Amino acid sequence: MKIYQAIHTDYIITTNKNKIDISVVHNYLSNKSYWAKNIPLHVVQRSIENSYCFALLYKQEQVGFARLITDYATFAYLADVFIVEAHRGKGLSKLLMQFIHNNAEVQGLRRWLLGTRDAHELYKQFGWKNFNEEQAKRFMQLHNPNVYNEI
């Protein structure tokens, strides 16, 4: 798969998995996120191995991340999007989302999904919408919110 990269001032966004600092991703997800509290390192490693990942770097230091779980043809689930606190308020989440949406590998997908508790306004800027009542009736889930405490 081709590696994509964008440069914005001192920030770089790349799809090169070799640039991902797994310790930064694991620390954020395990300790600071509401969606992946206590996630084990080996689970983060496996999720990165099996996803299309986007690393946001500041002078080679990882400061943001996102990943897509996708078949590259019809569907993508956007997950684990974050910017570390010291770099927030600079428009980096918008820059990251723009890079993801414009990425050649995921053009023409029929459906994208994500789950968020607090970033609706960010995603709405890129055309994301809440499910309407009929759509919400069609979608189902299996959810184990305590899975990382059981491992």
Foldseek 3Di string as FASTA:
>chain_A
DDKDWDDDPQKMKIQPLVLDDLVVLCCCQCPPDPQRHLADSVVSVVVSVQWRKIFMDGNSHTFWIWTWRDPLAAETEIDSTDGHPVPPPPCVSLVRVVCVVPDPSNPPHNDYHYDDDPCPVSVVVVVDDDDDPVRVVPDDDDDDSCVSVVD
